[in-house]
Amino acid sequence: MKVKAFAAALAALAVSGAVEAADMGDVETPIRLSLNNWTGQRLSTYIAGGMLAEAGYKVEYVEADLNALYEQIATGEVHAMMEIWTTSDPEDYISVRDAGRVEELGDLGLDARNGVVYPPYVAQMCPGLPNWEALRDCAGIFSEDGNGKRGRYLAYPESWGSPGADRIRALDLPFDVVAAESEAAMIEEFQQAYKDKRPVIATFWAPHWAMSSYALQFVRLPKPEPACYSDPSWGPNPKAAGDCDFARGGVVKASWSGFKERWPAAHEILKNYELSIWDQQPLIGLVDVRGETVQGAARGWLAVNRAKWVPTVEEATGKGRS
């Protein structure tokens, strides 16, 4: 009798598990995912889209401008974004999130870091690196001709915000900030600098294949603390806030606030979707170095790594359960 009762209990658990699968919702309306202007984000997005397609949804990919994207998500013009770097202090995103106009779907799983970087050979030209104070004395080597009084600092594209550039200004370092046109332009700058053994300093991030390929080193900036960002008296420059390193933070996903109601199972898939640095970084290299298309790299990863992502789809939809 006890065996029969136990079997019945297991059957009941199986049934209850099946019931918990989310409803598919509106499978006729395409889910619109944003594509932004860096390779990692596009890979994360095409992988997420492949998971949604496997579940039975239609997916559209929308080229998006970060300056308008968060408002587009808030209004439902775009339905979800797979990479929001909280380390970059995206004020527009925080505003719509805190107002309840978008829903944060949790961390993507990347161990993300923004920072100020330089190639390893620069340390011989600028004694004192990686400590940031060394940049005061050797800024001139980063000038156009290598002999100026002020260095040239390569910052993120303007549409990405000011991280890096704001640190240089807050630390009152003698650099003129130049915004890169794109991620590709930043990579080209590193490549040419390595070829010429020319000093270069820039804002950059990990995970990215260039960090290992060029052995880029992070400048050691003052340790970040909450007071750094609001109290000018906290850090080395009493006239400015933000004179410290980037706060370490996550890369989150977010959706239109009506997403869960329209596509319940898709909401569960995206909420539970994770991609590690060890998965994404080689894919970025495939695209940026070997010339693979983003779509092709994403399809290849999905095909080889079904054991990593299919359970997420099956758990949300109930597909594949006995």
C-alpha atoms as a PDB file:
ATOM      1  CA  MET A   1       0.000   0.000   0.000  1.00  0.00           C
ATOM      2  CA  LYS A   2       2.819   2.356   0.846  1.00  0.00           C
ATOM      3  CA  VAL A   3       4.380   1.703  -2.579  1.00  0.00           C
ATOM      4  CA  LYS A   4       1.080   2.468  -4.308  1.00  0.00           C
ATOM      5  CA  ALA A   5       0.640   5.632  -2.269  1.00  0.00           C
ATOM      6  CA  PHE A   6       4.155   6.760  -3.131  1.00  0.00           C
ATOM      7  CA  ALA A   7       3.569   6.111  -6.825  1.00  0.00           C
ATOM      8  CA  ALA A   8       0.330   8.058  -6.677  1.00  0.00           C
ATOM      9  CA  ALA A   9       2.140  10.958  -5.028  1.00  0.00           C
ATOM     10  CA  LEU A  10       4.767  10.972  -7.760  1.00  0.00           C
ATOM     11  CA  ALA A  11       2.058  10.970 -10.409  1.00  0.00           C
ATOM     12  CA  ALA A  12       0.369  13.876  -8.699  1.00  0.00           C
ATOM     13  CA  LEU A  13       3.633  15.815  -8.655  1.00  0.00           C
ATOM     14  CA  ALA A  14       4.129  15.165 -12.358  1.00  0.00           C
ATOM     15  CA  VAL A  15       0.632  16.417 -13.133  1.00  0.00           C
ATOM     16  CA  SER A  16       1.071  19.492 -10.980  1.00  0.00           C
ATOM     17  CA  GLY A  17       4.396  20.228 -12.714  1.00  0.00           C
ATOM     18  CA  ALA A  18       2.713  20.064 -16.092  1.00  0.00           C
ATOM     19  CA  VAL A  19      -0.021  22.417 -14.938  1.00  0.00           C
ATOM     20  CA  GLU A  20       2.594  24.946 -13.855  1.00  0.00           C
ATOM     21  CA  ALA A  21       3.844  25.371 -17.426  1.00  0.00           C
ATOM     22  CA  ALA A  22       3.028  28.891 -18.562  1.00  0.00           C
ATOM     23  CA  ASP A  23       0.463  29.652 -21.247  1.00  0.00           C
ATOM     24  CA  MET A  24       1.979  30.479 -24.636  1.00  0.00           C
ATOM     25  CA  GLY A  25      -0.166  33.578 -25.077  1.00  0.00           C
ATOM     26  CA  ASP A  26      -0.262  35.491 -28.363  1.00  0.00           C
ATOM     27  CA  VAL A  27       1.820  33.319 -30.684  1.00  0.00           C
ATOM     28  CA  GLU A  28       0.697  35.230 -33.783  1.00  0.00           C
ATOM     29  CA  THR A  29       2.227  38.576 -32.786  1.00  0.00           C
ATOM     30  CA  PRO A  30       6.007  38.683 -33.236  1.00  0.00           C
ATOM     31  CA  ILE A  31       8.146  39.409 -30.195  1.00  0.00           C
ATOM     32  CA  ARG A  32      10.399  42.342 -31.073  1.00  0.00           C
ATOM     33  CA  LEU A  33      13.917  42.121 -29.629  1.00  0.00           C
ATOM     34  CA  SER A  34      16.350  45.032 -29.781  1.00  0.00           C
ATOM     35  CA  LEU A  35      19.680  44.816 -31.578  1.00  0.00           C
ATOM     36  CA  ASN A  36      22.297  47.277 -30.358  1.00  0.00           C
ATOM     37  CA  ASN A  37      25.666  48.324 -31.678  1.00  0.00           C
ATOM     38  CA  TRP A  38      28.006  45.925 -29.923  1.00  0.00           C
ATOM     39  CA  THR A  39      28.682  42.330 -30.908  1.00  0.00           C
ATOM     40  CA  GLY A  40      28.047  40.674 -27.550  1.00  0.00           C
ATOM     41  CA  GLN A  41      24.581  42.167 -27.248  1.00  0.00           C
ATOM     42  CA  ARG A  42      23.633  41.011 -30.729  1.00  0.00           C
ATOM     43  CA  LEU A  43      24.814  37.489 -29.941  1.00  0.00           C
ATOM     44  CA  SER A  44      22.862  37.422 -26.676  1.00  0.00           C
ATOM     45  CA  THR A  45      19.793  38.605 -28.549  1.00  0.00           C
ATOM     46  CA  TYR A  46      19.947  36.099 -31.419  1.00  0.00           C
ATOM     47  CA  ILE A  47      20.466  33.256 -28.933  1.00  0.00           C
ATOM     48  CA  ALA A  48      17.421  34.420 -26.946  1.00  0.00           C
ATOM     49  CA  GLY A  49      15.457  34.707 -30.171  1.00  0.00           C
ATOM     50  CA  GLY A  50      16.424  31.165 -31.124  1.00  0.00           C
ATOM     51  CA  MET A  51      15.117  29.911 -27.803  1.00  0.00           C
ATOM     52  CA  LEU A  52      11.826  31.754 -28.308  1.00  0.00           C
ATOM     53  CA  ALA A  53      11.518  30.378 -31.843  1.00  0.00           C
ATOM     54  CA  GLU A  54      12.099  26.844 -30.527  1.00  0.00           C
ATOM     55  CA  ALA A  55       9.241  27.418 -28.107  1.00  0.00           C
ATOM     56  CA  GLY A  56       6.927  28.347 -30.977  1.00  0.00           C
ATOM     57  CA  TYR A  57       7.050  32.152 -31.055  1.00  0.00           C
ATOM     58  CA  LYS A  58       7.586  34.502 -33.948  1.00  0.00           C
ATOM     59  CA  VAL A  59      10.549  36.818 -33.406  1.00  0.00           C
ATOM     60  CA  GLU A  60      11.556  40.093 -35.024  1.00  0.00           C
ATOM     61  CA  TYR A  61      14.897  41.829 -34.523  1.00  0.00           C
ATOM     62  CA  VAL A  62      14.852  45.617 -34.360  1.00  0.00           C
ATOM     63  CA  GLU A  63      17.914  47.815 -34.906  1.00  0.00           C
ATOM     64  CA  ALA A  64      17.719  50.199 -31.978  1.00  0.00           C
ATOM     65  CA  ASP A  65      19.325  53.461 -30.897  1.00  0.00           C
ATOM     66  CA  LEU A  66      20.162  53.483 -27.194  1.00  0.00           C
ATOM     67  CA  ASN A  67      19.133  57.120 -26.974  1.00  0.00           C
ATOM     68  CA  ALA A  68      15.522  56.147 -27.675  1.00  0.00           C
ATOM     69  CA  LEU A  69      15.434  52.447 -26.813  1.00  0.00           C
ATOM     70  CA  TYR A  70      14.259  52.510 -23.201  1.00  0.00           C
ATOM     71  CA  GLU A  71      11.294  54.683 -24.053  1.00  0.00           C
ATOM     72  CA  GLN A  72      10.492  52.343 -26.963  1.00  0.00           C
ATOM     73  CA  ILE A  73      10.487  49.389 -24.562  1.00  0.00           C
ATOM     74  CA  ALA A  74       8.328  51.316 -22.112  1.00  0.00           C
ATOM     75  CA  THR A  75       5.713  51.960 -24.805  1.00  0.00           C
ATOM     76  CA  GLY A  76       5.834  48.412 -26.211  1.00  0.00           C
ATOM     77  CA  GLU A  77       7.272  49.436 -29.572  1.00  0.00           C
ATOM     78  CA  VAL A  78      10.201  47.150 -28.714  1.00  0.00           C
ATOM     79  CA  HIS A  79       9.415  44.255 -26.405  1.00  0.00           C
ATOM     80  CA  ALA A  80      12.720  43.255 -24.775  1.00  0.00           C
ATOM     81  CA  MET A  81      16.446  43.935 -24.530  1.00  0.00           C
ATOM     82  CA  MET A  82      18.984  41.295 -23.553  1.00  0.00           C
ATOM     83  CA  GLU A  83      21.943  43.361 -22.306  1.00  0.00           C
ATOM     84  CA  ILE A  84      21.681  46.409 -20.087  1.00  0.00           C
ATOM     85  CA  TRP A  85      25.015  47.139 -18.426  1.00  0.00           C
ATOM     86  CA  THR A  86      24.185  48.494 -14.996  1.00  0.00           C
ATOM     87  CA  THR A  87      27.868  49.433 -14.580  1.00  0.00           C
ATOM     88  CA  SER A  88      27.330  52.132 -17.205  1.00  0.00           C
ATOM     89  CA  ASP A  89      24.690  53.894 -15.092  1.00  0.00           C
ATOM     90  CA  PRO A  90      21.964  53.990 -17.773  1.00  0.00           C
ATOM     91  CA  GLU A  91      19.833  56.765 -16.285  1.00  0.00           C
ATOM     92  CA  ASP A  92      17.102  56.486 -18.936  1.00  0.00           C
ATOM     93  CA  TYR A  93      16.673  52.805 -18.140  1.00  0.00           C
ATOM     94  CA  ILE A  94      16.642  53.337 -14.384  1.00  0.00           C
ATOM     95  CA  SER A  95      13.990  56.026 -14.803  1.00  0.00           C
ATOM     96  CA  VAL A  96      11.521  53.860 -16.747  1.00  0.00           C
ATOM     97  CA  ARG A  97      12.262  50.806 -14.598  1.00  0.00           C
ATOM     98  CA  ASP A  98      11.625  52.627 -11.344  1.00  0.00           C
ATOM     99  CA  ALA A  99       8.433  54.072 -12.790  1.00  0.00           C
ATOM    100  CA  GLY A 100       7.181  50.530 -13.500  1.00  0.00           C
ATOM    101  CA  ARG A 101       7.129  51.090 -17.241  1.00  0.00           C
ATOM    102  CA  VAL A 102       9.603  48.277 -17.935  1.00  0.00           C
ATOM    103  CA  GLU A 103      10.251  45.066 -16.040  1.00  0.00           C
ATOM    104  CA  GLU A 104      13.751  43.935 -15.151  1.00  0.00           C
ATOM    105  CA  LEU A 105      14.076  40.236 -15.957  1.00  0.00           C
ATOM    106  CA  GLY A 106      17.129  39.432 -13.890  1.00  0.00           C
ATOM    107  CA  ASP A 107      20.826  39.031 -14.547  1.00  0.00           C
ATOM    108  CA  LEU A 108      22.091  37.586 -17.832  1.00  0.00           C
ATOM    109  CA  GLY A 109      25.013  35.910 -16.072  1.00  0.00           C
ATOM    110  CA  LEU A 110      27.974  37.789 -17.519  1.00  0.00           C
ATOM    111  CA  ASP A 111      30.727  38.780 -15.109  1.00  0.00           C
ATOM    112  CA  ALA A 112      30.866  42.290 -16.487  1.00  0.00           C
ATOM    113  CA  ARG A 113      33.438  44.989 -15.957  1.00  0.00           C
ATOM    114  CA  ASN A 114      34.024  48.427 -17.456  1.00  0.00           C
ATOM    115  CA  GLY A 115      37.376  50.090 -16.967  1.00  0.00           C
ATOM    116  CA  VAL A 116      40.263  52.154 -18.304  1.00  0.00           C
ATOM    117  CA  VAL A 117      42.656  49.946 -20.281  1.00  0.00           C
ATOM    118  CA  TYR A 118      46.059  50.076 -21.956  1.00  0.00           C
ATOM    119  CA  PRO A 119      48.293  47.555 -23.794  1.00  0.00           C
ATOM    120  CA  PRO A 120      51.027  45.882 -21.701  1.00  0.00           C
ATOM    121  CA  TYR A 121      53.970  47.549 -23.499  1.00  0.00           C
ATOM    122  CA  VAL A 122      52.695  50.950 -22.333  1.00  0.00           C
ATOM    123  CA  ALA A 123      53.751  50.125 -18.770  1.00  0.00           C
ATOM    124  CA  GLN A 124      57.395  50.496 -19.852  1.00  0.00           C
ATOM    125  CA  MET A 125      56.655  53.920 -21.309  1.00  0.00           C
ATOM    126  CA  CYS A 126      54.669  55.108 -18.301  1.00  0.00           C
ATOM    127  CA  PRO A 127      56.359  54.010 -15.071  1.00  0.00           C
ATOM    128  CA  GLY A 128      53.926  53.666 -12.219  1.00  0.00           C
ATOM    129  CA  LEU A 129      51.135  51.973 -14.140  1.00  0.00           C
ATOM    130  CA  PRO A 130      48.737  50.372 -13.361  1.00  0.00           C
ATOM    131  CA  ASN A 131      48.206  53.039 -10.664  1.00  0.00           C
ATOM    132  CA  TRP A 132      46.139  55.884 -12.062  1.00  0.00           C
ATOM    133  CA  GLU A 133      48.363  58.628 -10.644  1.00  0.00           C
ATOM    134  CA  ALA A 134      51.052  57.679 -13.181  1.00  0.00           C
ATOM    135  CA  LEU A 135      48.851  59.071 -15.953  1.00  0.00           C
ATOM    136  CA  ARG A 136      49.370  62.606 -14.646  1.00  0.00           C
ATOM    137  CA  ASP A 137      53.073  62.471 -15.447  1.00  0.00           C
ATOM    138  CA  CYS A 138      53.017  60.572 -18.726  1.00  0.00           C
ATOM    139  CA  ALA A 139      49.831  61.828 -20.412  1.00  0.00           C
ATOM    140  CA  GLY A 140      51.943  63.312 -23.201  1.00  0.00           C
ATOM    141  CA  ILE A 141      52.922  59.920 -24.595  1.00  0.00           C
ATOM    142  CA  PHE A 142      49.249  59.398 -25.475  1.00  0.00           C
ATOM    143  CA  SER A 143      49.075  62.599 -27.560  1.00  0.00           C
ATOM    144  CA  GLU A 144      48.809  62.477 -31.358  1.00  0.00           C
ATOM    145  CA  ASP A 145      52.554  62.903 -31.876  1.00  0.00           C
ATOM    146  CA  GLY A 146      53.637  61.437 -28.545  1.00  0.00           C
ATOM    147  CA  ASN A 147      55.184  64.710 -27.393  1.00  0.00           C
ATOM    148  CA  GLY A 148      52.214  66.841 -26.394  1.00  0.00           C
ATOM    149  CA  LYS A 149      51.206  68.031 -22.955  1.00  0.00           C
ATOM    150  CA  ARG A 150      47.767  66.432 -23.060  1.00  0.00           C
ATOM    151  CA  GLY A 151      46.980  62.868 -23.981  1.00  0.00           C
ATOM    152  CA  ARG A 152      44.246  61.515 -26.209  1.00  0.00           C
ATOM    153  CA  TYR A 153      41.707  59.312 -24.421  1.00  0.00           C
ATOM    154  CA  LEU A 154      39.429  57.038 -26.455  1.00  0.00           C
ATOM    155  CA  ALA A 155      35.966  56.795 -24.913  1.00  0.00           C
ATOM    156  CA  TYR A 156      32.887  54.760 -25.768  1.00  0.00           C
ATOM    157  CA  PRO A 157      30.672  55.919 -28.658  1.00  0.00           C
ATOM    158  CA  GLU A 158      28.517  58.857 -27.599  1.00  0.00           C
ATOM    159  CA  SER A 159      25.309  56.810 -27.803  1.00  0.00           C
ATOM    160  CA  TRP A 160      26.688  54.481 -25.106  1.00  0.00           C
ATOM    161  CA  GLY A 161      26.963  57.245 -22.513  1.00  0.00           C
ATOM    162  CA  SER A 162      30.001  58.742 -20.837  1.00  0.00           C
ATOM    163  CA  PRO A 163      31.567  55.996 -18.639  1.00  0.00           C
ATOM    164  CA  GLY A 164      35.335  56.333 -18.722  1.00  0.00           C
ATOM    165  CA  ALA A 165      35.261  59.856 -20.039  1.00  0.00           C
ATOM    166  CA  ASP A 166      33.580  61.027 -16.855  1.00  0.00           C
ATOM    167  CA  ARG A 167      36.220  59.256 -14.747  1.00  0.00           C
ATOM    168  CA  ILE A 168      39.062  60.956 -16.623  1.00  0.00           C
ATOM    169  CA  ARG A 169      37.460  64.360 -16.121  1.00  0.00           C
ATOM    170  CA  ALA A 170      36.572  63.717 -12.466  1.00  0.00           C
ATOM    171  CA  LEU A 171      40.153  62.657 -11.712  1.00  0.00           C
ATOM    172  CA  ASP A 172      41.339  65.856 -13.410  1.00  0.00           C
ATOM    173  CA  LEU A 173      43.757  63.996 -15.659  1.00  0.00           C
ATOM    174  CA  PRO A 174      45.343  65.916 -18.560  1.00  0.00           C
ATOM    175  CA  PHE A 175      43.587  64.129 -21.412  1.00  0.00           C
ATOM    176  CA  ASP A 176      41.345  65.226 -24.263  1.00  0.00           C
ATOM    177  CA  VAL A 177      38.448  62.788 -24.615  1.00  0.00           C
ATOM    178  CA  VAL A 178      37.540  61.514 -28.075  1.00  0.00           C
ATOM    179  CA  ALA A 179      34.456  59.336 -28.563  1.00  0.00           C
ATOM    180  CA  ALA A 180      34.925  56.269 -30.759  1.00  0.00           C
ATOM    181  CA  GLU A 181      32.552  55.884 -33.678  1.00  0.00           C
ATOM    182  CA  SER A 182      31.796  52.245 -32.903  1.00  0.00           C
ATOM    183  CA  GLU A 183      33.042  49.054 -31.277  1.00  0.00           C
ATOM    184  CA  ALA A 184      34.772  48.165 -34.554  1.00  0.00           C
ATOM    185  CA  ALA A 185      36.581  51.512 -34.535  1.00  0.00           C
ATOM    186  CA  MET A 186      37.877  50.819 -31.027  1.00  0.00           C
ATOM    187  CA  ILE A 187      39.215  47.416 -32.100  1.00  0.00           C
ATOM    188  CA  GLU A 188      40.874  48.978 -35.136  1.00  0.00           C
ATOM    189  CA  GLU A 189      42.557  51.511 -32.853  1.00  0.00           C
ATOM    190  CA  PHE A 190      43.982  48.731 -30.672  1.00  0.00           C
ATOM    191  CA  GLN A 191      45.167  46.784 -33.714  1.00  0.00           C
ATOM    192  CA  GLN A 192      46.980  49.771 -35.214  1.00  0.00           C
ATOM    193  CA  ALA A 193      48.476  50.761 -31.875  1.00  0.00           C
ATOM    194  CA  TYR A 194      49.877  47.246 -31.414  1.00  0.00           C
ATOM    195  CA  LYS A 195      51.305  47.252 -34.909  1.00  0.00           C
ATOM    196  CA  ASP A 196      53.063  50.575 -34.311  1.00  0.00           C
ATOM    197  CA  LYS A 197      53.785  49.913 -30.610  1.00  0.00           C
ATOM    198  CA  ARG A 198      52.065  53.238 -29.998  1.00  0.00           C
ATOM    199  CA  PRO A 199      50.558  54.152 -26.613  1.00  0.00           C
ATOM    200  CA  VAL A 200      46.766  54.027 -26.474  1.00  0.00           C
ATOM    201  CA  ILE A 201      44.398  54.368 -23.550  1.00  0.00           C
ATOM    202  CA  ALA A 202      40.654  53.821 -23.635  1.00  0.00           C
ATOM    203  CA  THR A 203      37.502  52.771 -21.881  1.00  0.00           C
ATOM    204  CA  PHE A 204      36.807  49.095 -22.546  1.00  0.00           C
ATOM    205  CA  TRP A 205      34.977  46.158 -21.102  1.00  0.00           C
ATOM    206  CA  ALA A 206      35.031  42.491 -20.286  1.00  0.00           C
ATOM    207  CA  PRO A 207      33.883  40.033 -21.457  1.00  0.00           C
ATOM    208  CA  HIS A 208      35.482  40.740 -24.823  1.00  0.00           C
ATOM    209  CA  TRP A 209      37.946  38.744 -26.885  1.00  0.00           C
ATOM    210  CA  ALA A 210      40.181  41.821 -27.274  1.00  0.00           C
ATOM    211  CA  MET A 211      40.975  41.801 -23.556  1.00  0.00           C
ATOM    212  CA  SER A 212      42.914  38.548 -23.944  1.00  0.00           C
ATOM    213  CA  SER A 213      44.049  38.943 -27.552  1.00  0.00           C
ATOM    214  CA  TYR A 214      45.778  42.261 -26.810  1.00  0.00           C
ATOM    215  CA  ALA A 215      46.499  41.461 -23.138  1.00  0.00           C
ATOM    216  CA  LEU A 216      44.802  44.722 -22.191  1.00  0.00           C
ATOM    217  CA  GLN A 217      45.426  45.817 -18.620  1.00  0.00           C
ATOM    218  CA  PHE A 218      43.042  47.736 -16.368  1.00  0.00           C
ATOM    219  CA  VAL A 219      44.257  50.962 -14.791  1.00  0.00           C
ATOM    220  CA  ARG A 220      43.915  50.765 -11.008  1.00  0.00           C
ATOM    221  CA  LEU A 221      41.539  53.614 -10.159  1.00  0.00           C
ATOM    222  CA  PRO A 222      40.410  54.572  -6.634  1.00  0.00           C
ATOM    223  CA  LYS A 223      38.176  51.894  -5.165  1.00  0.00           C
ATOM    224  CA  PRO A 224      34.501  52.679  -5.816  1.00  0.00           C
ATOM    225  CA  GLU A 225      32.246  53.434  -2.869  1.00  0.00           C
ATOM    226  CA  PRO A 226      28.725  54.901  -2.839  1.00  0.00           C
ATOM    227  CA  ALA A 227      29.995  58.268  -1.556  1.00  0.00           C
ATOM    228  CA  CYS A 228      32.229  58.599  -4.619  1.00  0.00           C
ATOM    229  CA  TYR A 229      29.275  59.248  -6.867  1.00  0.00           C
ATOM    230  CA  SER A 230      27.576  61.903  -4.735  1.00  0.00           C
ATOM    231  CA  ASP A 231      30.155  63.541  -2.464  1.00  0.00           C
ATOM    232  CA  PRO A 232      32.978  65.537  -4.130  1.00  0.00           C
ATOM    233  CA  SER A 233      34.950  65.591  -0.884  1.00  0.00           C
ATOM    234  CA  TRP A 234      35.210  61.797  -0.842  1.00  0.00           C
ATOM    235  CA  GLY A 235      37.938  61.151  -3.430  1.00  0.00           C
ATOM    236  CA  PRO A 236      41.218  62.614  -4.656  1.00  0.00           C
ATOM    237  CA  ASN A 237      39.506  65.522  -6.449  1.00  0.00           C
ATOM    238  CA  PRO A 238      37.539  67.620  -3.919  1.00  0.00           C
ATOM    239  CA  LYS A 239      35.857  69.500  -6.756  1.00  0.00           C
ATOM    240  CA  ALA A 240      34.151  66.539  -8.473  1.00  0.00           C
ATOM    241  CA  ALA A 241      32.144  63.421  -7.721  1.00  0.00           C
ATOM    242  CA  GLY A 242      32.800  60.194  -9.637  1.00  0.00           C
ATOM    243  CA  ASP A 243      36.582  60.217  -9.133  1.00  0.00           C
ATOM    244  CA  CYS A 244      36.820  56.446  -8.653  1.00  0.00           C
ATOM    245  CA  ASP A 245      36.663  53.168 -10.528  1.00  0.00           C
ATOM    246  CA  PHE A 246      33.547  51.696 -12.097  1.00  0.00           C
ATOM    247  CA  ALA A 247      31.265  49.868  -9.709  1.00  0.00           C
ATOM    248  CA  ARG A 248      31.131  46.203 -10.561  1.00  0.00           C
ATOM    249  CA  GLY A 249      27.635  45.222 -11.537  1.00  0.00           C
ATOM    250  CA  GLY A 250      25.503  42.916 -13.555  1.00  0.00           C
ATOM    251  CA  VAL A 251      24.238  42.823 -17.101  1.00  0.00           C
ATOM    252  CA  VAL A 252      20.465  42.591 -16.882  1.00  0.00           C
ATOM    253  CA  LYS A 253      17.587  41.826 -19.222  1.00  0.00           C
ATOM    254  CA  ALA A 254      14.409  43.874 -19.401  1.00  0.00           C
ATOM    255  CA  SER A 255      11.048  43.843 -21.128  1.00  0.00           C
ATOM    256  CA  TRP A 256       7.973  45.902 -21.804  1.00  0.00           C
ATOM    257  CA  SER A 257       5.722  45.876 -18.732  1.00  0.00           C
ATOM    258  CA  GLY A 258       2.963  44.126 -20.693  1.00  0.00           C
ATOM    259  CA  PHE A 259       5.222  41.314 -21.892  1.00  0.00           C
ATOM    260  CA  LYS A 260       4.279  38.758 -19.235  1.00  0.00           C
ATOM    261  CA  GLU A 261       0.561  39.134 -19.837  1.00  0.00           C
ATOM    262  CA  ARG A 262       0.840  38.811 -23.625  1.00  0.00           C
ATOM    263  CA  TRP A 263       3.472  36.040 -23.752  1.00  0.00           C
ATOM    264  CA  PRO A 264       3.597  34.224 -20.371  1.00  0.00           C
ATOM    265  CA  ALA A 265       5.844  31.344 -21.461  1.00  0.00           C
ATOM    266  CA  ALA A 266       8.192  33.648 -23.362  1.00  0.00           C
ATOM    267  CA  HIS A 267       8.444  35.783 -20.244  1.00  0.00           C
ATOM    268  CA  GLU A 268       9.563  32.728 -18.267  1.00  0.00           C
ATOM    269  CA  ILE A 269      12.110  31.813 -20.933  1.00  0.00           C
ATOM    270  CA  LEU A 270      13.720  35.250 -20.970  1.00  0.00           C
ATOM    271  CA  LYS A 271      13.592  35.557 -17.205  1.00  0.00           C
ATOM    272  CA  ASN A 272      15.523  32.281 -16.807  1.00  0.00           C
ATOM    273  CA  TYR A 273      17.831  32.779 -19.803  1.00  0.00           C
ATOM    274  CA  GLU A 274      21.503  33.012 -18.859  1.00  0.00           C
ATOM    275  CA  LEU A 275      24.693  33.215 -20.908  1.00  0.00           C
ATOM    276  CA  SER A 276      28.114  32.968 -19.276  1.00  0.00           C
ATOM    277  CA  ILE A 277      31.259  34.855 -20.168  1.00  0.00           C
ATOM    278  CA  TRP A 278      32.783  31.525 -21.253  1.00  0.00           C
ATOM    279  CA  ASP A 279      29.994  31.051 -23.785  1.00  0.00           C
ATOM    280  CA  GLN A 280      29.831  34.590 -25.103  1.00  0.00           C
ATOM    281  CA  GLN A 281      33.479  35.611 -25.360  1.00  0.00           C
ATOM    282  CA  PRO A 282      34.534  32.936 -27.918  1.00  0.00           C
ATOM    283  CA  LEU A 283      31.484  33.815 -30.007  1.00  0.00           C
ATOM    284  CA  ILE A 284      32.514  37.490 -30.091  1.00  0.00           C
ATOM    285  CA  GLY A 285      35.887  36.348 -31.399  1.00  0.00           C
ATOM    286  CA  LEU A 286      34.242  34.231 -34.104  1.00  0.00           C
ATOM    287  CA  VAL A 287      32.391  37.296 -35.344  1.00  0.00           C
ATOM    288  CA  ASP A 288      34.951  40.070 -34.906  1.00  0.00           C
ATOM    289  CA  VAL A 289      38.099  38.132 -35.787  1.00  0.00           C
ATOM    290  CA  ARG A 290      37.085  35.264 -38.043  1.00  0.00           C
ATOM    291  CA  GLY A 291      34.294  37.045 -39.877  1.00  0.00           C
ATOM    292  CA  GLU A 292      31.420  34.756 -38.914  1.00  0.00           C
ATOM    293  CA  THR A 293      27.995  36.397 -39.012  1.00  0.00           C
ATOM    294  CA  VAL A 294      26.332  37.066 -35.681  1.00  0.00           C
ATOM    295  CA  GLN A 295      23.337  34.988 -36.761  1.00  0.00           C
ATOM    296  CA  GLY A 296      25.582  32.106 -37.828  1.00  0.00           C
ATOM    297  CA  ALA A 297      27.555  32.160 -34.585  1.00  0.00           C
ATOM    298  CA  ALA A 298      24.356  32.184 -32.536  1.00  0.00           C
ATOM    299  CA  ARG A 299      22.835  29.327 -34.538  1.00  0.00           C
ATOM    300  CA  GLY A 300      26.018  27.318 -34.112  1.00  0.00           C
ATOM    301  CA  TRP A 301      26.026  27.843 -30.348  1.00  0.00           C
ATOM    302  CA  LEU A 302      22.358  26.859 -30.095  1.00  0.00           C
ATOM    303  CA  ALA A 303      22.976  23.688 -32.106  1.00  0.00           C
ATOM    304  CA  VAL A 304      25.970  22.558 -30.047  1.00  0.00           C
ATOM    305  CA  ASN A 305      24.648  23.565 -26.621  1.00  0.00           C
ATOM    306  CA  ARG A 306      21.086  22.282 -26.591  1.00  0.00           C
ATOM    307  CA  ALA A 307      21.614  20.725 -23.178  1.00  0.00           C
ATOM    308  CA  LYS A 308      22.235  24.204 -21.748  1.00  0.00           C
ATOM    309  CA  TRP A 309      19.119  25.950 -23.029  1.00  0.00           C
ATOM    310  CA  VAL A 310      16.447  23.440 -24.076  1.00  0.00           C
ATOM    311  CA  PRO A 311      15.492  22.672 -20.444  1.00  0.00           C
ATOM    312  CA  THR A 312      14.695  26.370 -19.950  1.00  0.00           C
ATOM    313  CA  VAL A 313      12.295  26.280 -22.900  1.00  0.00           C
ATOM    314  CA  GLU A 314      10.733  22.995 -21.834  1.00  0.00           C
ATOM    315  CA  GLU A 315      10.258  24.174 -18.260  1.00  0.00           C
ATOM    316  CA  ALA A 316       8.417  27.289 -19.438  1.00  0.00           C
ATOM    317  CA  THR A 317       6.250  25.650 -22.092  1.00  0.00           C
ATOM    318  CA  GLY A 318       5.791  22.116 -20.761  1.00  0.00           C
ATOM    319  CA  LYS A 319       7.129  20.723 -24.039  1.00  0.00           C
ATOM    320  CA  GLY A 320       9.208  17.589 -23.798  1.00  0.00           C
ATOM    321  CA  ARG A 321       7.622  16.447 -20.535  1.00  0.00           C
ATOM    322  CA  SER A 322       6.342  12.924 -20.287  1.00  0.00           C
END
